[in-house]
Structures are given as structure tokens and as C-alpha cells.
């Protein structure tokens, strides 16, 4: 019987085990090249989502991601990288996965099938109508995610989704449906591949653009990044040099004195006036 989900439809490639290593890699790459173009097609919807998130966050709201399996892990990865990259407080972008933190590393049986649990998980963070919720599900039919966005909408919370099936059940439940049609997977149904790549690309686009619109980037620099290792300290010193024209010794002193790239640059430029 044919499957009506694009993500579950049969691969365009047969007899994978008979292919050479080179041919396997070449064909996987050929499929991957389709993903960026599929994402490009939904930029108008992504734009609406970004503008909605920025509006909420400017008023003190937060961004939530919910998902199961690979989709949930991708949301957690994106959320976890916001504080160190952009200096945002922890808790402003929150990723939640079906099955809890255990599910980040190990599948939790039946966790994604509970349509009521996502809202309970969100309530643990006191989600409210000032926040914005994105449900992530490659299939677009995950009960955990659908239940979560349905409950959120009942409480007047703006919602969006990232899925890889058009006209999805999830898409019908949200305010903004980002449906990236990447086609069948190289290995039939293995949505950690093209679907996962598409979701990662969209998450990158959303969170990066939101942070830029919130003023967390100056020029093209991450001026609010956390200086948590030597590589980032060196990067910060170079940023200060580029923005102010001072030498590395002076830049290092400014960074040590002010504790962040932004503050160091602003302090130096203020003194120069």
C-alpha cells in the first residue's frame, strides 16, 4: 500500500547494499543538494515566523521548540547554542524533547505518542501568551508535537511548525506552517537525513535572524558571545582590533577590563569622542 507521507515514500535508489562506497556517497550528496532549494521555497513563511518571534521577544517573551527524536534533538541543539553565541540569558530560547533529557541520547519508548505530555512539559517553564512555540516533526504527525501546539493555541500562544510533509496534520494546527518538501530519503524513511538537514537549516535561519534583529550582532560579528575558551577570547580580541584599530595588546586589555567585546568596543569609542 502506498504511503501518503513524502518522508515515508520509497527511496529513488535501489539495491543500496550493492553500491560501491563512492557511489553511496555520491548519491547521498546528490540528494542533499536538493535540501537548500527546498528550504528556499519556504522563505516567505520563515520570514513571518521570524518577525513574530522578534515581536514577542522584544516584549520579554521567549522562544520554545518541541519535538521528538531527531527533531527534538535539533531543537535542543539550536536552543543550547544561543547563550554562548549571542550572550542571551539561558531560558530565552528553550528546547524540549519528548521523553525528557534521557531522550537526547537514547530513544524513550512511546514518548512521542503521548499527545498530552508536551503541554505539561511546557507548563514546567510557565509558558504563556508572551511566548512563541515552534513544533518540529519531520512527519508532521507526531502526537506529542501536535498536542503541544493545540494546547498552546488554546492559551493564545503563537505557534509555528517545521515539517517535511506538505498539507501535514501539524501544519493545519499552527499559525505558520514551514513545510519543506525534500522528497524521499536515500534510505527509505530515514528522516535524520534530508529532513533533519532541512530542519537544521531552517532552525539556523530562524534563530540567527532573530538574534540579528534583536541587536546581538554588530556588522557581522558576534559581539555578545561568551568568552568561554581561548579560541573565543582570541576571536574577541581580533574583533576589537578590527572595530577600533587598536593593537592586540590594547584590545586584550580592553576585553579583560570590560568583559565583553561589545562593552570593550563601546567604551573605547566613547572615550575617543
C-alpha atoms as a PDB file:
ATOM      1  CA  UNK A   1       0.000   0.000   0.000  1.00  0.00           C
ATOM      2  CA  UNK A   2       1.360   3.421  -0.917  1.00  0.00           C
ATOM      3  CA  UNK A   3       2.264   5.796   1.891  1.00  0.00           C
ATOM      4  CA  UNK A   4       0.786   9.301   1.709  1.00  0.00           C
ATOM      5  CA  UNK A   5       3.719  10.814   3.619  1.00  0.00           C
ATOM      6  CA  UNK A   6       6.518  12.064   1.370  1.00  0.00           C
ATOM      7  CA  UNK A   7       9.047  11.404   4.125  1.00  0.00           C
ATOM      8  CA  UNK A   8       7.998   7.752   4.237  1.00  0.00           C
ATOM      9  CA  UNK A   9       7.863   7.184   0.478  1.00  0.00           C
ATOM     10  CA  UNK A  10      10.288   4.784  -1.175  1.00  0.00           C
ATOM     11  CA  UNK A  11      13.814   5.921  -1.998  1.00  0.00           C
ATOM     12  CA  UNK A  12      14.661   6.770  -5.593  1.00  0.00           C
ATOM     13  CA  UNK A  13      17.608   4.390  -5.255  1.00  0.00           C
ATOM     14  CA  UNK A  14      17.513   0.580  -5.190  1.00  0.00           C
ATOM     15  CA  UNK A  15      19.986  -2.117  -4.134  1.00  0.00           C
ATOM     16  CA  UNK A  16      21.951   0.202  -1.847  1.00  0.00           C
ATOM     17  CA  UNK A  17      23.971  -2.713  -0.470  1.00  0.00           C
ATOM     18  CA  UNK A  18      25.233  -3.406  -3.993  1.00  0.00           C
ATOM     19  CA  UNK A  19      26.655   0.094  -4.473  1.00  0.00           C
ATOM     20  CA  UNK A  20      30.323   0.957  -4.057  1.00  0.00           C
ATOM     21  CA  UNK A  21      31.341   3.304  -1.258  1.00  0.00           C
ATOM     22  CA  UNK A  22      31.946   6.064  -3.798  1.00  0.00           C
ATOM     23  CA  UNK A  23      28.546   5.591  -5.387  1.00  0.00           C
ATOM     24  CA  UNK A  24      26.785   5.610  -1.997  1.00  0.00           C
ATOM     25  CA  UNK A  25      28.484   8.858  -1.010  1.00  0.00           C
ATOM     26  CA  UNK A  26      27.857  10.460  -4.393  1.00  0.00           C
ATOM     27  CA  UNK A  27      24.162   9.589  -4.322  1.00  0.00           C
ATOM     28  CA  UNK A  28      23.672  10.784  -0.742  1.00  0.00           C
ATOM     29  CA  UNK A  29      25.336  14.052  -1.702  1.00  0.00           C
ATOM     30  CA  UNK A  30      23.140  14.328  -4.791  1.00  0.00           C
ATOM     31  CA  UNK A  31      20.060  14.099  -2.572  1.00  0.00           C
ATOM     32  CA  UNK A  32      21.483  16.553  -0.032  1.00  0.00           C
ATOM     33  CA  UNK A  33      21.899  19.172  -2.747  1.00  0.00           C
ATOM     34  CA  UNK A  34      18.123  19.314  -3.098  1.00  0.00           C
ATOM     35  CA  UNK A  35      17.601  20.418   0.510  1.00  0.00           C
ATOM     36  CA  UNK A  36      18.711  24.058   0.299  1.00  0.00           C
ATOM     37  CA  UNK A  37      16.484  24.662  -2.706  1.00  0.00           C
ATOM     38  CA  UNK A  38      13.516  23.173  -0.868  1.00  0.00           C
ATOM     39  CA  UNK A  39      14.207  25.500   2.065  1.00  0.00           C
ATOM     40  CA  UNK A  40      14.471  28.484  -0.292  1.00  0.00           C
ATOM     41  CA  UNK A  41      10.910  27.825  -1.434  1.00  0.00           C
ATOM     42  CA  UNK A  42       9.510  28.421   2.060  1.00  0.00           C
ATOM     43  CA  UNK A  43      11.464  31.577   2.962  1.00  0.00           C
ATOM     44  CA  UNK A  44       8.281  33.729   2.850  1.00  0.00           C
ATOM     45  CA  UNK A  45       6.782  31.648   5.682  1.00  0.00           C
ATOM     46  CA  UNK A  46      10.060  31.616   7.625  1.00  0.00           C
ATOM     47  CA  UNK A  47      10.089  35.408   7.357  1.00  0.00           C
ATOM     48  CA  UNK A  48       6.676  35.629   9.025  1.00  0.00           C
ATOM     49  CA  UNK A  49       7.814  33.300  11.787  1.00  0.00           C
ATOM     50  CA  UNK A  50      10.961  35.336  12.450  1.00  0.00           C
ATOM     51  CA  UNK A  51       9.014  38.595  12.596  1.00  0.00           C
ATOM     52  CA  UNK A  52       6.530  37.026  15.003  1.00  0.00           C
ATOM     53  CA  UNK A  53       9.294  35.756  17.282  1.00  0.00           C
ATOM     54  CA  UNK A  54      11.122  39.092  17.268  1.00  0.00           C
ATOM     55  CA  UNK A  55       7.919  40.889  18.221  1.00  0.00           C
ATOM     56  CA  UNK A  56       7.377  38.551  21.174  1.00  0.00           C
ATOM     57  CA  UNK A  57      10.983  38.597  22.359  1.00  0.00           C
ATOM     58  CA  UNK A  58      11.180  42.380  22.228  1.00  0.00           C
ATOM     59  CA  UNK A  59       8.328  42.351  24.727  1.00  0.00           C
ATOM     60  CA  UNK A  60      10.192  39.960  27.003  1.00  0.00           C
ATOM     61  CA  UNK A  61       8.813  36.717  25.564  1.00  0.00           C
ATOM     62  CA  UNK A  62      10.679  33.503  24.876  1.00  0.00           C
ATOM     63  CA  UNK A  63      11.052  31.035  22.025  1.00  0.00           C
ATOM     64  CA  UNK A  64      10.205  27.366  22.620  1.00  0.00           C
ATOM     65  CA  UNK A  65      10.933  24.326  20.464  1.00  0.00           C
ATOM     66  CA  UNK A  66       9.217  20.979  20.989  1.00  0.00           C
ATOM     67  CA  UNK A  67       9.940  17.754  19.144  1.00  0.00           C
ATOM     68  CA  UNK A  68      10.593  14.031  19.397  1.00  0.00           C
ATOM     69  CA  UNK A  69      13.643  12.009  18.348  1.00  0.00           C
ATOM     70  CA  UNK A  70      15.912  13.735  15.834  1.00  0.00           C
ATOM     71  CA  UNK A  71      13.552  16.705  15.594  1.00  0.00           C
ATOM     72  CA  UNK A  72      13.628  17.228  19.350  1.00  0.00           C
ATOM     73  CA  UNK A  73      17.404  16.927  19.464  1.00  0.00           C
ATOM     74  CA  UNK A  74      17.799  19.519  16.718  1.00  0.00           C
ATOM     75  CA  UNK A  75      15.652  21.967  18.683  1.00  0.00           C
ATOM     76  CA  UNK A  76      17.736  21.402  21.797  1.00  0.00           C
ATOM     77  CA  UNK A  77      20.974  21.910  19.877  1.00  0.00           C
ATOM     78  CA  UNK A  78      19.745  25.190  18.429  1.00  0.00           C
ATOM     79  CA  UNK A  79      18.482  26.460  21.781  1.00  0.00           C
ATOM     80  CA  UNK A  80      21.659  25.467  23.627  1.00  0.00           C
ATOM     81  CA  UNK A  81      23.872  27.415  21.234  1.00  0.00           C
ATOM     82  CA  UNK A  82      22.105  30.754  21.661  1.00  0.00           C
ATOM     83  CA  UNK A  83      23.574  31.812  25.042  1.00  0.00           C
ATOM     84  CA  UNK A  84      27.253  31.190  24.161  1.00  0.00           C
ATOM     85  CA  UNK A  85      26.947  32.551  20.628  1.00  0.00           C
ATOM     86  CA  UNK A  86      24.876  35.650  21.317  1.00  0.00           C
ATOM     87  CA  UNK A  87      25.136  36.217  25.067  1.00  0.00           C
ATOM     88  CA  UNK A  88      21.412  35.710  25.584  1.00  0.00           C
ATOM     89  CA  UNK A  89      20.377  34.560  29.068  1.00  0.00           C
ATOM     90  CA  UNK A  90      19.689  30.869  29.450  1.00  0.00           C
ATOM     91  CA  UNK A  91      15.961  30.289  29.293  1.00  0.00           C
ATOM     92  CA  UNK A  92      15.185  32.751  26.499  1.00  0.00           C
ATOM     93  CA  UNK A  93      15.289  30.002  23.860  1.00  0.00           C
ATOM     94  CA  UNK A  94      14.210  26.612  25.210  1.00  0.00           C
ATOM     95  CA  UNK A  95      14.289  23.216  23.520  1.00  0.00           C
ATOM     96  CA  UNK A  96      12.090  20.409  24.853  1.00  0.00           C
ATOM     97  CA  UNK A  97      12.197  16.789  23.702  1.00  0.00           C
ATOM     98  CA  UNK A  98       9.596  14.068  24.172  1.00  0.00           C
ATOM     99  CA  UNK A  99      10.827  11.760  26.909  1.00  0.00           C
ATOM    100  CA  UNK A 100      12.882  14.427  28.663  1.00  0.00           C
ATOM    101  CA  UNK A 101      16.657  14.772  28.811  1.00  0.00           C
ATOM    102  CA  UNK A 102      17.129  10.984  28.723  1.00  0.00           C
ATOM    103  CA  UNK A 103      15.791  11.041  25.160  1.00  0.00           C
ATOM    104  CA  UNK A 104      18.605  13.318  23.995  1.00  0.00           C
ATOM    105  CA  UNK A 105      20.945  10.316  23.911  1.00  0.00           C
ATOM    106  CA  UNK A 106      18.620   7.316  23.988  1.00  0.00           C
ATOM    107  CA  UNK A 107      15.188   6.719  22.487  1.00  0.00           C
ATOM    108  CA  UNK A 108      12.388   6.703  25.074  1.00  0.00           C
ATOM    109  CA  UNK A 109       9.704   4.191  24.128  1.00  0.00           C
ATOM    110  CA  UNK A 110       6.324   5.661  23.139  1.00  0.00           C
ATOM    111  CA  UNK A 111       7.267   9.160  24.347  1.00  0.00           C
ATOM    112  CA  UNK A 112       6.289  10.752  21.044  1.00  0.00           C
ATOM    113  CA  UNK A 113       2.852   9.114  21.105  1.00  0.00           C
ATOM    114  CA  UNK A 114       1.618  10.995  24.185  1.00  0.00           C
ATOM    115  CA  UNK A 115      -0.463  13.925  22.935  1.00  0.00           C
ATOM    116  CA  UNK A 116      -0.842  15.471  26.410  1.00  0.00           C
ATOM    117  CA  UNK A 117       2.736  15.440  27.673  1.00  0.00           C
ATOM    118  CA  UNK A 118       4.141  18.362  25.657  1.00  0.00           C
ATOM    119  CA  UNK A 119       1.820  20.851  27.319  1.00  0.00           C
ATOM    120  CA  UNK A 120       2.812  19.510  30.750  1.00  0.00           C
ATOM    121  CA  UNK A 121       6.463  19.941  29.783  1.00  0.00           C
ATOM    122  CA  UNK A 122       5.802  23.488  28.585  1.00  0.00           C
ATOM    123  CA  UNK A 123       3.950  24.368  31.776  1.00  0.00           C
ATOM    124  CA  UNK A 124       7.086  23.429  33.711  1.00  0.00           C
ATOM    125  CA  UNK A 125       8.561  26.546  32.104  1.00  0.00           C
ATOM    126  CA  UNK A 126       5.462  28.682  32.740  1.00  0.00           C
ATOM    127  CA  UNK A 127       4.849  29.191  29.037  1.00  0.00           C
ATOM    128  CA  UNK A 128       2.349  31.987  28.386  1.00  0.00           C
ATOM    129  CA  UNK A 129       0.909  34.143  25.601  1.00  0.00           C
ATOM    130  CA  UNK A 130       4.023  36.360  25.563  1.00  0.00           C
ATOM    131  CA  UNK A 131       5.999  33.399  24.194  1.00  0.00           C
ATOM    132  CA  UNK A 132       6.284  31.745  20.766  1.00  0.00           C
ATOM    133  CA  UNK A 133       6.214  27.976  20.172  1.00  0.00           C
ATOM    134  CA  UNK A 134       7.654  26.014  17.247  1.00  0.00           C
ATOM    135  CA  UNK A 135       6.762  22.343  16.858  1.00  0.00           C
ATOM    136  CA  UNK A 136       9.336  20.289  14.950  1.00  0.00           C
ATOM    137  CA  UNK A 137       8.327  16.983  13.338  1.00  0.00           C
ATOM    138  CA  UNK A 138       9.622  15.607  10.054  1.00  0.00           C
ATOM    139  CA  UNK A 139       6.447  13.583   9.512  1.00  0.00           C
ATOM    140  CA  UNK A 140       4.108  16.336  10.634  1.00  0.00           C
ATOM    141  CA  UNK A 141       2.005  13.820  12.515  1.00  0.00           C
ATOM    142  CA  UNK A 142       3.816  13.295  15.844  1.00  0.00           C
ATOM    143  CA  UNK A 143       1.141  13.289  18.606  1.00  0.00           C
ATOM    144  CA  UNK A 144       3.481  14.848  21.198  1.00  0.00           C
ATOM    145  CA  UNK A 145       4.091  17.852  18.959  1.00  0.00           C
ATOM    146  CA  UNK A 146       0.557  18.201  17.612  1.00  0.00           C
ATOM    147  CA  UNK A 147      -0.886  18.041  21.122  1.00  0.00           C
ATOM    148  CA  UNK A 148       1.573  20.663  22.306  1.00  0.00           C
ATOM    149  CA  UNK A 149       0.723  23.230  19.640  1.00  0.00           C
ATOM    150  CA  UNK A 150      -3.003  22.573  20.011  1.00  0.00           C
ATOM    151  CA  UNK A 151      -2.846  23.293  23.739  1.00  0.00           C
ATOM    152  CA  UNK A 152      -0.660  26.334  23.129  1.00  0.00           C
ATOM    153  CA  UNK A 153      -3.183  27.812  20.699  1.00  0.00           C
ATOM    154  CA  UNK A 154      -5.949  27.307  23.262  1.00  0.00           C
ATOM    155  CA  UNK A 155      -3.926  29.579  25.531  1.00  0.00           C
ATOM    156  CA  UNK A 156      -3.430  32.217  22.800  1.00  0.00           C
ATOM    157  CA  UNK A 157       0.224  31.381  22.220  1.00  0.00           C
ATOM    158  CA  UNK A 158       1.550  31.969  18.695  1.00  0.00           C
ATOM    159  CA  UNK A 159       2.690  28.755  17.014  1.00  0.00           C
ATOM    160  CA  UNK A 160       4.650  27.550  14.020  1.00  0.00           C
ATOM    161  CA  UNK A 161       5.976  24.219  12.817  1.00  0.00           C
ATOM    162  CA  UNK A 162       8.867  22.810  10.819  1.00  0.00           C
ATOM    163  CA  UNK A 163       7.966  19.657   8.927  1.00  0.00           C
ATOM    164  CA  UNK A 164       8.889  17.953   5.667  1.00  0.00           C
ATOM    165  CA  UNK A 165       5.432  16.900   4.502  1.00  0.00           C
ATOM    166  CA  UNK A 166       3.045  19.298   2.789  1.00  0.00           C
ATOM    167  CA  UNK A 167      -0.553  19.605   3.980  1.00  0.00           C
ATOM    168  CA  UNK A 168       0.537  17.946   7.225  1.00  0.00           C
ATOM    169  CA  UNK A 169      -1.651  17.361  10.274  1.00  0.00           C
ATOM    170  CA  UNK A 170       0.763  19.511  12.269  1.00  0.00           C
ATOM    171  CA  UNK A 171       0.713  22.288   9.694  1.00  0.00           C
ATOM    172  CA  UNK A 172      -3.041  22.575   9.981  1.00  0.00           C
ATOM    173  CA  UNK A 173      -2.789  23.232  13.723  1.00  0.00           C
ATOM    174  CA  UNK A 174      -0.325  26.136  13.740  1.00  0.00           C
ATOM    175  CA  UNK A 175      -0.374  29.808  12.804  1.00  0.00           C
ATOM    176  CA  UNK A 176       2.621  29.422  10.468  1.00  0.00           C
ATOM    177  CA  UNK A 177       3.448  26.125   8.751  1.00  0.00           C
ATOM    178  CA  UNK A 178       7.005  25.760   7.444  1.00  0.00           C
ATOM    179  CA  UNK A 179       6.678  22.657   5.276  1.00  0.00           C
ATOM    180  CA  UNK A 180       9.941  21.837   3.488  1.00  0.00           C
ATOM    181  CA  UNK A 181       9.352  19.212   0.820  1.00  0.00           C
ATOM    182  CA  UNK A 182      12.704  17.461   0.442  1.00  0.00           C
ATOM    183  CA  UNK A 183      11.316  14.285  -1.129  1.00  0.00           C
ATOM    184  CA  UNK A 184      12.037  10.636  -0.281  1.00  0.00           C
ATOM    185  CA  UNK A 185      15.078   9.847   1.813  1.00  0.00           C
ATOM    186  CA  UNK A 186      18.084   7.999   0.362  1.00  0.00           C
ATOM    187  CA  UNK A 187      17.383   5.247   2.884  1.00  0.00           C
ATOM    188  CA  UNK A 188      13.591   4.986   2.878  1.00  0.00           C
ATOM    189  CA  UNK A 189      12.075   6.705   5.910  1.00  0.00           C
ATOM    190  CA  UNK A 190      15.408   7.740   7.475  1.00  0.00           C
ATOM    191  CA  UNK A 191      14.347  11.290   8.263  1.00  0.00           C
ATOM    192  CA  UNK A 192      17.528  12.052  10.174  1.00  0.00           C
ATOM    193  CA  UNK A 193      18.993  12.579   6.696  1.00  0.00           C
ATOM    194  CA  UNK A 194      17.440  15.138   4.293  1.00  0.00           C
ATOM    195  CA  UNK A 195      14.541  16.006   6.581  1.00  0.00           C
ATOM    196  CA  UNK A 196      16.889  16.509   9.516  1.00  0.00           C
ATOM    197  CA  UNK A 197      19.199  18.642   7.374  1.00  0.00           C
ATOM    198  CA  UNK A 198      16.258  20.772   6.253  1.00  0.00           C
ATOM    199  CA  UNK A 199      15.098  21.262   9.836  1.00  0.00           C
ATOM    200  CA  UNK A 200      18.615  22.234  10.919  1.00  0.00           C
ATOM    201  CA  UNK A 201      18.889  24.759   8.085  1.00  0.00           C
ATOM    202  CA  UNK A 202      15.546  26.327   8.979  1.00  0.00           C
ATOM    203  CA  UNK A 203      16.419  26.475  12.683  1.00  0.00           C
ATOM    204  CA  UNK A 204      19.732  28.141  11.815  1.00  0.00           C
ATOM    205  CA  UNK A 205      17.908  30.704   9.694  1.00  0.00           C
ATOM    206  CA  UNK A 206      15.282  31.435  12.334  1.00  0.00           C
ATOM    207  CA  UNK A 207      17.495  31.782  15.386  1.00  0.00           C
ATOM    208  CA  UNK A 208      20.304  33.621  13.603  1.00  0.00           C
ATOM    209  CA  UNK A 209      17.966  36.142  12.002  1.00  0.00           C
ATOM    210  CA  UNK A 210      16.082  36.647  15.266  1.00  0.00           C
ATOM    211  CA  UNK A 211      19.327  37.352  17.122  1.00  0.00           C
ATOM    212  CA  UNK A 212      20.460  39.823  14.456  1.00  0.00           C
ATOM    213  CA  UNK A 213      17.102  41.617  14.573  1.00  0.00           C
ATOM    214  CA  UNK A 214      17.395  41.792  18.362  1.00  0.00           C
ATOM    215  CA  UNK A 215      20.719  43.603  18.021  1.00  0.00           C
ATOM    216  CA  UNK A 216      23.002  40.742  19.070  1.00  0.00           C
ATOM    217  CA  UNK A 217      25.294  41.183  16.053  1.00  0.00           C
ATOM    218  CA  UNK A 218      27.342  44.253  15.104  1.00  0.00           C
ATOM    219  CA  UNK A 219      28.377  44.392  11.457  1.00  0.00           C
ATOM    220  CA  UNK A 220      28.882  40.673  11.023  1.00  0.00           C
ATOM    221  CA  UNK A 221      30.396  39.971  14.438  1.00  0.00           C
ATOM    222  CA  UNK A 222      29.086  38.055  17.465  1.00  0.00           C
ATOM    223  CA  UNK A 223      29.911  40.907  19.821  1.00  0.00           C
ATOM    224  CA  UNK A 224      27.929  39.447  22.724  1.00  0.00           C
ATOM    225  CA  UNK A 225      29.382  35.930  22.589  1.00  0.00           C
ATOM    226  CA  UNK A 226      30.501  34.293  25.823  1.00  0.00           C
ATOM    227  CA  UNK A 227      34.290  34.107  26.113  1.00  0.00           C
ATOM    228  CA  UNK A 228      34.412  30.535  27.360  1.00  0.00           C
ATOM    229  CA  UNK A 229      37.707  29.330  25.837  1.00  0.00           C
ATOM    230  CA  UNK A 230      40.985  30.591  24.409  1.00  0.00           C
ATOM    231  CA  UNK A 231      39.752  30.406  20.815  1.00  0.00           C
ATOM    232  CA  UNK A 232      36.804  32.691  21.588  1.00  0.00           C
ATOM    233  CA  UNK A 233      38.968  35.107  23.584  1.00  0.00           C
ATOM    234  CA  UNK A 234      41.336  35.383  20.614  1.00  0.00           C
ATOM    235  CA  UNK A 235      38.367  35.905  18.291  1.00  0.00           C
ATOM    236  CA  UNK A 236      37.083  38.638  20.614  1.00  0.00           C
ATOM    237  CA  UNK A 237      40.454  40.384  20.610  1.00  0.00           C
ATOM    238  CA  UNK A 238      40.525  40.311  16.805  1.00  0.00           C
ATOM    239  CA  UNK A 239      37.000  41.768  16.673  1.00  0.00           C
ATOM    240  CA  UNK A 240      38.043  44.647  18.894  1.00  0.00           C
ATOM    241  CA  UNK A 241      41.109  45.297  16.737  1.00  0.00           C
ATOM    242  CA  UNK A 242      39.007  45.362  13.574  1.00  0.00           C
ATOM    243  CA  UNK A 243      36.347  47.657  15.027  1.00  0.00           C
ATOM    244  CA  UNK A 244      38.653  50.131  16.772  1.00  0.00           C
ATOM    245  CA  UNK A 245      42.010  49.926  15.004  1.00  0.00           C
ATOM    246  CA  UNK A 246      43.936  49.281  18.249  1.00  0.00           C
ATOM    247  CA  UNK A 247      46.717  46.710  18.517  1.00  0.00           C
ATOM    248  CA  UNK A 248      46.203  43.269  20.024  1.00  0.00           C
ATOM    249  CA  UNK A 249      47.751  44.191  23.376  1.00  0.00           C
ATOM    250  CA  UNK A 250      45.374  47.119  23.814  1.00  0.00           C
ATOM    251  CA  UNK A 251      42.452  45.028  22.615  1.00  0.00           C
ATOM    252  CA  UNK A 252      43.244  42.323  25.157  1.00  0.00           C
ATOM    253  CA  UNK A 253      43.400  44.891  27.947  1.00  0.00           C
ATOM    254  CA  UNK A 254      40.050  46.350  26.880  1.00  0.00           C
ATOM    255  CA  UNK A 255      38.492  42.901  26.781  1.00  0.00           C
ATOM    256  CA  UNK A 256      39.816  41.991  30.225  1.00  0.00           C
ATOM    257  CA  UNK A 257      38.620  45.305  31.621  1.00  0.00           C
ATOM    258  CA  UNK A 258      35.093  45.258  30.205  1.00  0.00           C
ATOM    259  CA  UNK A 259      34.375  41.538  29.967  1.00  0.00           C
ATOM    260  CA  UNK A 260      32.698  41.525  26.552  1.00  0.00           C
ATOM    261  CA  UNK A 261      33.512  42.502  23.003  1.00  0.00           C
ATOM    262  CA  UNK A 262      30.559  44.874  22.762  1.00  0.00           C
ATOM    263  CA  UNK A 263      31.349  46.698  26.007  1.00  0.00           C
ATOM    264  CA  UNK A 264      35.034  46.946  25.130  1.00  0.00           C
ATOM    265  CA  UNK A 265      34.305  48.485  21.724  1.00  0.00           C
ATOM    266  CA  UNK A 266      31.657  50.859  23.067  1.00  0.00           C
ATOM    267  CA  UNK A 267      33.894  52.007  25.911  1.00  0.00           C
ATOM    268  CA  UNK A 268      36.830  52.663  23.614  1.00  0.00           C
ATOM    269  CA  UNK A 269      34.771  54.563  21.041  1.00  0.00           C
ATOM    270  CA  UNK A 270      33.119  56.606  23.791  1.00  0.00           C
ATOM    271  CA  UNK A 271      36.498  57.634  25.172  1.00  0.00           C
ATOM    272  CA  UNK A 272      37.694  58.625  21.697  1.00  0.00           C
ATOM    273  CA  UNK A 273      34.854  61.138  21.247  1.00  0.00           C
END
